[in-house]
C-alpha cells in the first residue's frame, strides 16, 4: 500500500505542476492592478496561501484524478498532456512577470508623461551598471545609438561634469553664508532648481541679491546657470531636455538632454571627450 501510494504521489506531479503554474498566472494577472503600496504584501500573502492550497486541494485532487486513469497508455498520455500544459502555463507566467519587471525597472516607451514621472537615483556613478542602464534608456529616447551608454568617453564626461550627481548645481554657484560651492549642500538644490525653472532673471536676481541664500564666483556677465548630469545651461535645457528646464533634477531628462547635446555639438561621445580635453568645459 505504501509503495502504491508513493507511486501515486509521484505520478500526480505533472498535474500538481500544471495546476500551480495556472494558479501563479491567474494570481499575477489578478494582482496586476492593485496599488503599489500593497503589491508586495499581497504577493507574499498569495505565495503563503499556496502551501495549504496545495496540501488540501491541489494534491488530493491530482491524486484522485490520477488514480481513476486505468491502463499504462492512458496514464502516459495524461502525464504528457499535463506536462505540456504545465510548460505552456509556466512559460506564460514567466513571460508575463518578466514583462512587468521590465516595465517596473524603467523600460519606458519614451512617452513624455512617463519621462516626466521617472523616479531614479540621486547618483549614477560613472561606469556603473546603473549609469549604463540609465543612458541606454536615454539613448532610445534621444534617438542615438544605445552603444553610447557603454562608451568610456561618455562616462569620462559624466565624471568630469557632475560625478553622476543628478541636478548638481555648477561649481561657480556658492552658498552665500558659507561661501562654499552649493554642490556641497544637496539640501538647497531644490531651491536652486526652482530658480532655474523660473529662468535667467530669477536665478540672476538670487545670485546677486545680498539677501539671497546663494551667490556666484563670477559677475553678472559671466555667471553660470549650468546644472545636472551634463551641466547644461538653462537655455540648453530648454533646447534638449524633453520637458525643457522643468526637467532639471529628473535623471532621465538630464541623461536624454546630455546625449542630445553631445550629438548636436560634437557628433558623438568620443569626439565630445576629445573636444573636452582640447577646449575644456562646454557651454
C-alpha atoms as a PDB file:
ATOM      1  CA  UNK A   1       0.000   0.000   0.000  1.00  0.00           C
ATOM      2  CA  UNK A   2       2.810   2.380   0.874  1.00  0.00           C
ATOM      3  CA  UNK A   3       4.592   1.628  -2.414  1.00  0.00           C
ATOM      4  CA  UNK A   4       1.413   2.187  -4.407  1.00  0.00           C
ATOM      5  CA  UNK A   5       0.647   5.415  -2.510  1.00  0.00           C
ATOM      6  CA  UNK A   6       4.149   6.726  -3.201  1.00  0.00           C
ATOM      7  CA  UNK A   7       3.876   5.862  -6.894  1.00  0.00           C
ATOM      8  CA  UNK A   8       0.505   7.592  -6.965  1.00  0.00           C
ATOM      9  CA  UNK A   9       2.015  10.710  -5.446  1.00  0.00           C
ATOM     10  CA  UNK A  10       4.921  10.706  -7.940  1.00  0.00           C
ATOM     11  CA  UNK A  11       2.664  10.150 -10.945  1.00  0.00           C
ATOM     12  CA  UNK A  12       0.461  13.056  -9.860  1.00  0.00           C
ATOM     13  CA  UNK A  13       3.376  15.518 -10.009  1.00  0.00           C
ATOM     14  CA  UNK A  14       2.644  16.732 -13.592  1.00  0.00           C
ATOM     15  CA  UNK A  15      -0.930  17.573 -12.579  1.00  0.00           C
ATOM     16  CA  UNK A  16       0.277  19.441  -9.495  1.00  0.00           C
ATOM     17  CA  UNK A  17       2.835  21.382 -11.540  1.00  0.00           C
ATOM     18  CA  UNK A  18       0.262  22.311 -14.185  1.00  0.00           C
ATOM     19  CA  UNK A  19      -2.243  23.420 -11.560  1.00  0.00           C
ATOM     20  CA  UNK A  20       0.345  25.555  -9.738  1.00  0.00           C
ATOM     21  CA  UNK A  21       1.534  27.177 -12.973  1.00  0.00           C
ATOM     22  CA  UNK A  22      -2.059  28.071 -13.784  1.00  0.00           C
ATOM     23  CA  UNK A  23      -2.673  29.450 -10.289  1.00  0.00           C
ATOM     24  CA  UNK A  24       0.500  31.587 -10.460  1.00  0.00           C
ATOM     25  CA  UNK A  25      -0.525  33.025 -13.818  1.00  0.00           C
ATOM     26  CA  UNK A  26      -4.037  33.807 -12.595  1.00  0.00           C
ATOM     27  CA  UNK A  27      -2.735  35.372  -9.373  1.00  0.00           C
ATOM     28  CA  UNK A  28      -0.206  37.519 -11.216  1.00  0.00           C
ATOM     29  CA  UNK A  29      -2.874  38.862 -13.548  1.00  0.00           C
ATOM     30  CA  UNK A  30      -5.350  39.350 -10.703  1.00  0.00           C
ATOM     31  CA  UNK A  31      -2.843  41.337  -8.626  1.00  0.00           C
ATOM     32  CA  UNK A  32      -1.579  43.350 -11.587  1.00  0.00           C
ATOM     33  CA  UNK A  33      -3.620  46.480 -10.942  1.00  0.00           C
ATOM     34  CA  UNK A  34      -3.514  46.701  -7.166  1.00  0.00           C
ATOM     35  CA  UNK A  35      -1.903  49.789  -5.551  1.00  0.00           C
ATOM     36  CA  UNK A  36       1.898  49.703  -5.357  1.00  0.00           C
ATOM     37  CA  UNK A  37       1.823  50.176  -1.587  1.00  0.00           C
ATOM     38  CA  UNK A  38       0.202  46.777  -1.011  1.00  0.00           C
ATOM     39  CA  UNK A  39       1.601  44.929  -4.031  1.00  0.00           C
ATOM     40  CA  UNK A  40       4.478  43.148  -2.266  1.00  0.00           C
ATOM     41  CA  UNK A  41       2.421  42.124   0.831  1.00  0.00           C
ATOM     42  CA  UNK A  42      -0.309  40.841  -1.496  1.00  0.00           C
ATOM     43  CA  UNK A  43       2.139  38.680  -3.428  1.00  0.00           C
ATOM     44  CA  UNK A  44       3.648  37.348  -0.175  1.00  0.00           C
ATOM     45  CA  UNK A  45       0.214  36.507   1.190  1.00  0.00           C
ATOM     46  CA  UNK A  46      -0.734  34.774  -2.069  1.00  0.00           C
ATOM     47  CA  UNK A  47       2.501  32.789  -2.014  1.00  0.00           C
ATOM     48  CA  UNK A  48       1.944  31.712   1.579  1.00  0.00           C
ATOM     49  CA  UNK A  49      -1.614  30.660   0.736  1.00  0.00           C
ATOM     50  CA  UNK A  50      -0.318  28.298  -1.955  1.00  0.00           C
ATOM     51  CA  UNK A  51       1.105  25.954   0.710  1.00  0.00           C
ATOM     52  CA  UNK A  52      -2.201  24.899   2.317  1.00  0.00           C
ATOM     53  CA  UNK A  53      -3.942  25.224  -1.053  1.00  0.00           C
ATOM     54  CA  UNK A  54      -1.570  22.602  -2.469  1.00  0.00           C
ATOM     55  CA  UNK A  55      -1.782  20.352   0.562  1.00  0.00           C
ATOM     56  CA  UNK A  56      -5.550  20.255   0.964  1.00  0.00           C
ATOM     57  CA  UNK A  57      -6.904  20.901  -2.542  1.00  0.00           C
ATOM     58  CA  UNK A  58      -4.499  20.547  -5.480  1.00  0.00           C
ATOM     59  CA  UNK A  59      -2.550  17.476  -4.370  1.00  0.00           C
ATOM     60  CA  UNK A  60      -5.587  15.354  -3.262  1.00  0.00           C
ATOM     61  CA  UNK A  61      -7.419  16.365  -6.443  1.00  0.00           C
ATOM     62  CA  UNK A  62      -4.436  15.437  -8.615  1.00  0.00           C
ATOM     63  CA  UNK A  63      -4.011  12.074  -6.891  1.00  0.00           C
ATOM     64  CA  UNK A  64      -7.736  11.385  -7.235  1.00  0.00           C
ATOM     65  CA  UNK A  65      -7.678  12.131 -10.974  1.00  0.00           C
ATOM     66  CA  UNK A  66      -4.551  10.061 -11.484  1.00  0.00           C
ATOM     67  CA  UNK A  67      -5.954   7.036  -9.584  1.00  0.00           C
ATOM     68  CA  UNK A  68      -9.005   6.928 -11.856  1.00  0.00           C
ATOM     69  CA  UNK A  69      -6.975   6.676 -15.045  1.00  0.00           C
ATOM     70  CA  UNK A  70      -6.621   2.969 -15.886  1.00  0.00           C
ATOM     71  CA  UNK A  71      -4.022   1.467 -18.157  1.00  0.00           C
ATOM     72  CA  UNK A  72      -0.402   2.299 -18.990  1.00  0.00           C
ATOM     73  CA  UNK A  73      -1.010   4.176 -22.266  1.00  0.00           C
ATOM     74  CA  UNK A  74      -3.794   6.447 -20.965  1.00  0.00           C
ATOM     75  CA  UNK A  75      -1.671   7.252 -17.922  1.00  0.00           C
ATOM     76  CA  UNK A  76       1.353   8.120 -20.106  1.00  0.00           C
ATOM     77  CA  UNK A  77      -0.827  10.199 -22.410  1.00  0.00           C
ATOM     78  CA  UNK A  78      -2.355  12.049 -19.493  1.00  0.00           C
ATOM     79  CA  UNK A  79       1.050  12.809 -17.954  1.00  0.00           C
ATOM     80  CA  UNK A  80       2.418  14.055 -21.285  1.00  0.00           C
ATOM     81  CA  UNK A  81      -0.607  16.318 -21.666  1.00  0.00           C
ATOM     82  CA  UNK A  82      -0.271  17.714 -18.150  1.00  0.00           C
ATOM     83  CA  UNK A  83       3.492  18.266 -18.555  1.00  0.00           C
ATOM     84  CA  UNK A  84       2.815  20.158 -21.791  1.00  0.00           C
ATOM     85  CA  UNK A  85       0.101  22.177 -20.077  1.00  0.00           C
ATOM     86  CA  UNK A  86       2.419  22.937 -17.178  1.00  0.00           C
ATOM     87  CA  UNK A  87       5.144  24.068 -19.582  1.00  0.00           C
ATOM     88  CA  UNK A  88       2.792  26.368 -21.505  1.00  0.00           C
ATOM     89  CA  UNK A  89       1.366  27.893 -18.329  1.00  0.00           C
ATOM     90  CA  UNK A  90       4.804  28.276 -16.722  1.00  0.00           C
ATOM     91  CA  UNK A  91       6.182  29.997 -19.836  1.00  0.00           C
ATOM     92  CA  UNK A  92       3.142  32.287 -19.962  1.00  0.00           C
ATOM     93  CA  UNK A  93       3.540  33.183 -16.281  1.00  0.00           C
ATOM     94  CA  UNK A  94       7.265  33.789 -16.709  1.00  0.00           C
ATOM     95  CA  UNK A  95       6.790  35.983 -19.784  1.00  0.00           C
ATOM     96  CA  UNK A  96       4.047  37.972 -18.093  1.00  0.00           C
ATOM     97  CA  UNK A  97       6.069  38.566 -14.921  1.00  0.00           C
ATOM     98  CA  UNK A  98       9.301  39.459 -16.736  1.00  0.00           C
ATOM     99  CA  UNK A  99       7.351  41.895 -18.900  1.00  0.00           C
ATOM    100  CA  UNK A 100       6.032  43.533 -15.753  1.00  0.00           C
ATOM    101  CA  UNK A 101       9.514  43.619 -14.249  1.00  0.00           C
ATOM    102  CA  UNK A 102      10.800  45.318 -17.363  1.00  0.00           C
ATOM    103  CA  UNK A 103       8.107  47.967 -17.100  1.00  0.00           C
ATOM    104  CA  UNK A 104       8.760  48.487 -13.386  1.00  0.00           C
ATOM    105  CA  UNK A 105      12.525  48.793 -13.910  1.00  0.00           C
ATOM    106  CA  UNK A 106      12.015  51.785 -16.128  1.00  0.00           C
ATOM    107  CA  UNK A 107      11.805  50.327 -19.638  1.00  0.00           C
ATOM    108  CA  UNK A 108       9.767  53.262 -20.827  1.00  0.00           C
ATOM    109  CA  UNK A 109       8.136  53.931 -24.160  1.00  0.00           C
ATOM    110  CA  UNK A 110       9.657  57.457 -24.219  1.00  0.00           C
ATOM    111  CA  UNK A 111       6.189  58.868 -23.638  1.00  0.00           C
ATOM    112  CA  UNK A 112       6.637  62.404 -22.283  1.00  0.00           C
ATOM    113  CA  UNK A 113       4.415  61.795 -19.252  1.00  0.00           C
ATOM    114  CA  UNK A 114       6.385  58.668 -18.346  1.00  0.00           C
ATOM    115  CA  UNK A 115       9.675  60.540 -18.704  1.00  0.00           C
ATOM    116  CA  UNK A 116       8.415  63.382 -16.502  1.00  0.00           C
ATOM    117  CA  UNK A 117       7.309  60.884 -13.839  1.00  0.00           C
ATOM    118  CA  UNK A 118      10.560  58.918 -13.916  1.00  0.00           C
ATOM    119  CA  UNK A 119      11.929  58.183 -10.463  1.00  0.00           C
ATOM    120  CA  UNK A 120      15.552  57.147 -10.337  1.00  0.00           C
ATOM    121  CA  UNK A 121      18.563  57.582  -8.111  1.00  0.00           C
ATOM    122  CA  UNK A 122      20.297  60.683  -6.823  1.00  0.00           C
ATOM    123  CA  UNK A 123      23.694  59.481  -8.028  1.00  0.00           C
ATOM    124  CA  UNK A 124      24.697  57.438 -11.084  1.00  0.00           C
ATOM    125  CA  UNK A 125      28.316  56.528 -10.535  1.00  0.00           C
ATOM    126  CA  UNK A 126      30.195  56.795 -13.854  1.00  0.00           C
ATOM    127  CA  UNK A 127      30.982  53.374 -15.377  1.00  0.00           C
ATOM    128  CA  UNK A 128      28.463  51.688 -13.034  1.00  0.00           C
ATOM    129  CA  UNK A 129      25.772  49.299 -14.221  1.00  0.00           C
ATOM    130  CA  UNK A 130      23.074  51.752 -13.110  1.00  0.00           C
ATOM    131  CA  UNK A 131      24.613  54.595 -15.100  1.00  0.00           C
ATOM    132  CA  UNK A 132      24.866  52.406 -18.199  1.00  0.00           C
ATOM    133  CA  UNK A 133      21.240  51.340 -17.786  1.00  0.00           C
ATOM    134  CA  UNK A 134      20.081  54.954 -17.423  1.00  0.00           C
ATOM    135  CA  UNK A 135      21.928  56.045 -20.553  1.00  0.00           C
ATOM    136  CA  UNK A 136      20.665  53.071 -22.544  1.00  0.00           C
ATOM    137  CA  UNK A 137      17.135  54.215 -21.774  1.00  0.00           C
ATOM    138  CA  UNK A 138      18.082  57.800 -22.538  1.00  0.00           C
ATOM    139  CA  UNK A 139      19.707  56.774 -25.830  1.00  0.00           C
ATOM    140  CA  UNK A 140      16.445  55.251 -27.032  1.00  0.00           C
ATOM    141  CA  UNK A 141      14.537  58.425 -26.193  1.00  0.00           C
ATOM    142  CA  UNK A 142      17.273  60.677 -27.612  1.00  0.00           C
ATOM    143  CA  UNK A 143      17.384  58.632 -30.815  1.00  0.00           C
ATOM    144  CA  UNK A 144      21.110  57.959 -30.588  1.00  0.00           C
ATOM    145  CA  UNK A 145      22.916  54.572 -30.646  1.00  0.00           C
ATOM    146  CA  UNK A 146      22.390  52.513 -27.490  1.00  0.00           C
ATOM    147  CA  UNK A 147      26.104  51.639 -27.646  1.00  0.00           C
ATOM    148  CA  UNK A 148      26.864  55.186 -26.498  1.00  0.00           C
ATOM    149  CA  UNK A 149      25.790  54.145 -22.993  1.00  0.00           C
ATOM    150  CA  UNK A 150      28.830  51.880 -22.688  1.00  0.00           C
ATOM    151  CA  UNK A 151      31.453  54.187 -24.174  1.00  0.00           C
ATOM    152  CA  UNK A 152      34.275  55.102 -21.809  1.00  0.00           C
ATOM    153  CA  UNK A 153      34.247  58.610 -23.280  1.00  0.00           C
ATOM    154  CA  UNK A 154      30.656  59.207 -22.156  1.00  0.00           C
ATOM    155  CA  UNK A 155      31.454  58.132 -18.611  1.00  0.00           C
ATOM    156  CA  UNK A 156      34.619  60.244 -18.535  1.00  0.00           C
ATOM    157  CA  UNK A 157      32.460  63.257 -19.463  1.00  0.00           C
ATOM    158  CA  UNK A 158      29.869  62.285 -16.846  1.00  0.00           C
ATOM    159  CA  UNK A 159      32.587  62.059 -14.189  1.00  0.00           C
ATOM    160  CA  UNK A 160      34.159  65.368 -15.206  1.00  0.00           C
ATOM    161  CA  UNK A 161      30.907  67.316 -15.430  1.00  0.00           C
ATOM    162  CA  UNK A 162      28.866  66.077 -12.487  1.00  0.00           C
ATOM    163  CA  UNK A 163      30.309  62.926 -10.965  1.00  0.00           C
ATOM    164  CA  UNK A 164      26.961  61.374 -11.887  1.00  0.00           C
ATOM    165  CA  UNK A 165      25.040  63.525  -9.360  1.00  0.00           C
ATOM    166  CA  UNK A 166      21.563  64.353 -10.638  1.00  0.00           C
ATOM    167  CA  UNK A 167      20.675  68.059 -10.549  1.00  0.00           C
ATOM    168  CA  UNK A 168      24.041  69.171  -9.189  1.00  0.00           C
ATOM    169  CA  UNK A 169      24.486  72.967  -9.489  1.00  0.00           C
ATOM    170  CA  UNK A 170      27.529  74.350 -11.273  1.00  0.00           C
ATOM    171  CA  UNK A 171      30.633  74.747  -9.129  1.00  0.00           C
ATOM    172  CA  UNK A 172      30.520  78.547  -9.597  1.00  0.00           C
ATOM    173  CA  UNK A 173      27.253  78.773  -7.614  1.00  0.00           C
ATOM    174  CA  UNK A 174      28.082  79.302  -3.950  1.00  0.00           C
ATOM    175  CA  UNK A 175      26.112  79.052  -0.724  1.00  0.00           C
ATOM    176  CA  UNK A 176      26.218  82.639   0.498  1.00  0.00           C
ATOM    177  CA  UNK A 177      26.542  82.044   4.247  1.00  0.00           C
ATOM    178  CA  UNK A 178      29.491  79.658   3.876  1.00  0.00           C
ATOM    179  CA  UNK A 179      30.935  80.901   0.581  1.00  0.00           C
ATOM    180  CA  UNK A 180      31.365  77.236  -0.339  1.00  0.00           C
ATOM    181  CA  UNK A 181      30.127  75.580  -3.555  1.00  0.00           C
ATOM    182  CA  UNK A 182      26.408  74.865  -3.378  1.00  0.00           C
ATOM    183  CA  UNK A 183      27.047  71.355  -4.683  1.00  0.00           C
ATOM    184  CA  UNK A 184      28.338  70.512  -1.201  1.00  0.00           C
ATOM    185  CA  UNK A 185      24.856  71.011   0.269  1.00  0.00           C
ATOM    186  CA  UNK A 186      22.186  68.969  -1.588  1.00  0.00           C
ATOM    187  CA  UNK A 187      19.533  70.257   0.815  1.00  0.00           C
ATOM    188  CA  UNK A 188      19.463  73.610  -1.013  1.00  0.00           C
ATOM    189  CA  UNK A 189      19.468  72.146  -4.531  1.00  0.00           C
ATOM    190  CA  UNK A 190      15.649  72.039  -4.836  1.00  0.00           C
ATOM    191  CA  UNK A 191      15.539  75.792  -4.156  1.00  0.00           C
ATOM    192  CA  UNK A 192      18.186  76.383  -6.821  1.00  0.00           C
ATOM    193  CA  UNK A 193      16.286  74.142  -9.247  1.00  0.00           C
ATOM    194  CA  UNK A 194      13.131  76.205  -8.704  1.00  0.00           C
ATOM    195  CA  UNK A 195      15.029  79.387  -9.563  1.00  0.00           C
ATOM    196  CA  UNK A 196      16.449  77.756 -12.686  1.00  0.00           C
ATOM    197  CA  UNK A 197      12.994  76.617 -13.768  1.00  0.00           C
ATOM    198  CA  UNK A 198      11.753  80.182 -13.377  1.00  0.00           C
ATOM    199  CA  UNK A 199      14.526  81.296 -15.724  1.00  0.00           C
ATOM    200  CA  UNK A 200      17.562  83.509 -16.003  1.00  0.00           C
ATOM    201  CA  UNK A 201      16.027  86.581 -14.377  1.00  0.00           C
ATOM    202  CA  UNK A 202      15.041  84.719 -11.217  1.00  0.00           C
ATOM    203  CA  UNK A 203      18.417  82.967 -10.934  1.00  0.00           C
ATOM    204  CA  UNK A 204      20.362  86.160 -11.607  1.00  0.00           C
ATOM    205  CA  UNK A 205      18.357  88.089  -9.034  1.00  0.00           C
ATOM    206  CA  UNK A 206      19.081  85.415  -6.425  1.00  0.00           C
ATOM    207  CA  UNK A 207      22.790  85.226  -7.254  1.00  0.00           C
ATOM    208  CA  UNK A 208      23.355  88.946  -6.997  1.00  0.00           C
ATOM    209  CA  UNK A 209      20.921  89.926  -4.255  1.00  0.00           C
ATOM    210  CA  UNK A 210      22.727  90.376  -0.935  1.00  0.00           C
ATOM    211  CA  UNK A 211      19.765  88.900   0.939  1.00  0.00           C
ATOM    212  CA  UNK A 212      19.692  85.643  -1.044  1.00  0.00           C
ATOM    213  CA  UNK A 213      20.964  82.221   0.013  1.00  0.00           C
ATOM    214  CA  UNK A 214      23.286  81.820  -2.986  1.00  0.00           C
ATOM    215  CA  UNK A 215      25.867  83.872  -4.858  1.00  0.00           C
ATOM    216  CA  UNK A 216      28.324  83.369  -7.709  1.00  0.00           C
ATOM    217  CA  UNK A 217      32.069  83.245  -8.198  1.00  0.00           C
ATOM    218  CA  UNK A 218      31.573  85.437 -11.261  1.00  0.00           C
ATOM    219  CA  UNK A 219      29.850  88.720 -12.108  1.00  0.00           C
ATOM    220  CA  UNK A 220      26.524  89.180 -13.888  1.00  0.00           C
ATOM    221  CA  UNK A 221      28.133  88.953 -17.313  1.00  0.00           C
ATOM    222  CA  UNK A 222      29.903  85.660 -16.671  1.00  0.00           C
ATOM    223  CA  UNK A 223      27.884  83.617 -14.175  1.00  0.00           C
ATOM    224  CA  UNK A 224      26.814  80.058 -14.995  1.00  0.00           C
ATOM    225  CA  UNK A 225      23.308  78.596 -14.942  1.00  0.00           C
ATOM    226  CA  UNK A 226      24.558  75.053 -15.575  1.00  0.00           C
ATOM    227  CA  UNK A 227      23.286  72.056 -13.643  1.00  0.00           C
ATOM    228  CA  UNK A 228      22.701  68.329 -13.858  1.00  0.00           C
ATOM    229  CA  UNK A 229      24.467  65.270 -15.195  1.00  0.00           C
ATOM    230  CA  UNK A 230      25.786  67.059 -18.286  1.00  0.00           C
ATOM    231  CA  UNK A 231      25.967  70.564 -16.784  1.00  0.00           C
ATOM    232  CA  UNK A 232      23.627  72.105 -19.338  1.00  0.00           C
ATOM    233  CA  UNK A 233      22.789  75.790 -19.135  1.00  0.00           C
ATOM    234  CA  UNK A 234      19.138  76.817 -18.782  1.00  0.00           C
ATOM    235  CA  UNK A 235      18.929  77.632 -22.495  1.00  0.00           C
ATOM    236  CA  UNK A 236      20.423  74.237 -23.349  1.00  0.00           C
ATOM    237  CA  UNK A 237      17.984  72.508 -21.005  1.00  0.00           C
ATOM    238  CA  UNK A 238      15.140  74.267 -22.819  1.00  0.00           C
ATOM    239  CA  UNK A 239      16.563  73.000 -26.099  1.00  0.00           C
ATOM    240  CA  UNK A 240      17.497  69.420 -25.243  1.00  0.00           C
ATOM    241  CA  UNK A 241      15.516  68.197 -22.205  1.00  0.00           C
ATOM    242  CA  UNK A 242      12.148  66.614 -23.128  1.00  0.00           C
ATOM    243  CA  UNK A 243      10.395  68.987 -20.683  1.00  0.00           C
ATOM    244  CA  UNK A 244      12.809  71.866 -21.103  1.00  0.00           C
ATOM    245  CA  UNK A 245      14.047  73.484 -17.910  1.00  0.00           C
ATOM    246  CA  UNK A 246      11.266  71.718 -15.984  1.00  0.00           C
ATOM    247  CA  UNK A 247      13.302  68.535 -16.410  1.00  0.00           C
ATOM    248  CA  UNK A 248      16.094  69.794 -14.145  1.00  0.00           C
ATOM    249  CA  UNK A 249      16.528  67.261 -11.331  1.00  0.00           C
ATOM    250  CA  UNK A 250      14.997  64.368 -13.287  1.00  0.00           C
ATOM    251  CA  UNK A 251      17.751  61.803 -14.048  1.00  0.00           C
ATOM    252  CA  UNK A 252      16.224  60.531 -17.289  1.00  0.00           C
ATOM    253  CA  UNK A 253      15.566  64.031 -18.640  1.00  0.00           C
ATOM    254  CA  UNK A 254      19.112  65.077 -17.777  1.00  0.00           C
ATOM    255  CA  UNK A 255      20.577  61.970 -19.435  1.00  0.00           C
ATOM    256  CA  UNK A 256      18.466  62.469 -22.568  1.00  0.00           C
ATOM    257  CA  UNK A 257      19.445  66.136 -22.708  1.00  0.00           C
ATOM    258  CA  UNK A 258      23.114  65.314 -22.247  1.00  0.00           C
ATOM    259  CA  UNK A 259      23.066  62.826 -25.140  1.00  0.00           C
ATOM    260  CA  UNK A 260      21.136  65.182 -27.391  1.00  0.00           C
ATOM    261  CA  UNK A 261      23.564  67.980 -26.650  1.00  0.00           C
ATOM    262  CA  UNK A 262      26.561  65.743 -27.381  1.00  0.00           C
ATOM    263  CA  UNK A 263      25.055  64.714 -30.719  1.00  0.00           C
ATOM    264  CA  UNK A 264      24.267  68.323 -31.628  1.00  0.00           C
ATOM    265  CA  UNK A 265      27.545  69.909 -30.543  1.00  0.00           C
ATOM    266  CA  UNK A 266      30.088  67.145 -31.102  1.00  0.00           C
ATOM    267  CA  UNK A 267      28.572  64.286 -33.082  1.00  0.00           C
ATOM    268  CA  UNK A 268      29.314  61.504 -30.596  1.00  0.00           C
ATOM    269  CA  UNK A 269      30.804  60.991 -27.095  1.00  0.00           C
ATOM    270  CA  UNK A 270      34.281  60.098 -28.384  1.00  0.00           C
ATOM    271  CA  UNK A 271      34.574  63.400 -30.222  1.00  0.00           C
ATOM    272  CA  UNK A 272      32.975  65.213 -27.283  1.00  0.00           C
ATOM    273  CA  UNK A 273      35.620  63.856 -24.920  1.00  0.00           C
ATOM    274  CA  UNK A 274      38.407  64.850 -27.323  1.00  0.00           C
ATOM    275  CA  UNK A 275      36.934  68.338 -27.566  1.00  0.00           C
ATOM    276  CA  UNK A 276      36.547  68.491 -23.810  1.00  0.00           C
ATOM    277  CA  UNK A 277      40.232  67.762 -23.317  1.00  0.00           C
ATOM    278  CA  UNK A 278      41.162  70.237 -26.038  1.00  0.00           C
ATOM    279  CA  UNK A 279      38.952  73.158 -25.111  1.00  0.00           C
ATOM    280  CA  UNK A 280      37.784  72.476 -21.559  1.00  0.00           C
ATOM    281  CA  UNK A 281      34.157  72.845 -20.464  1.00  0.00           C
ATOM    282  CA  UNK A 282      31.340  73.130 -22.935  1.00  0.00           C
ATOM    283  CA  UNK A 283      28.748  75.859 -22.995  1.00  0.00           C
END
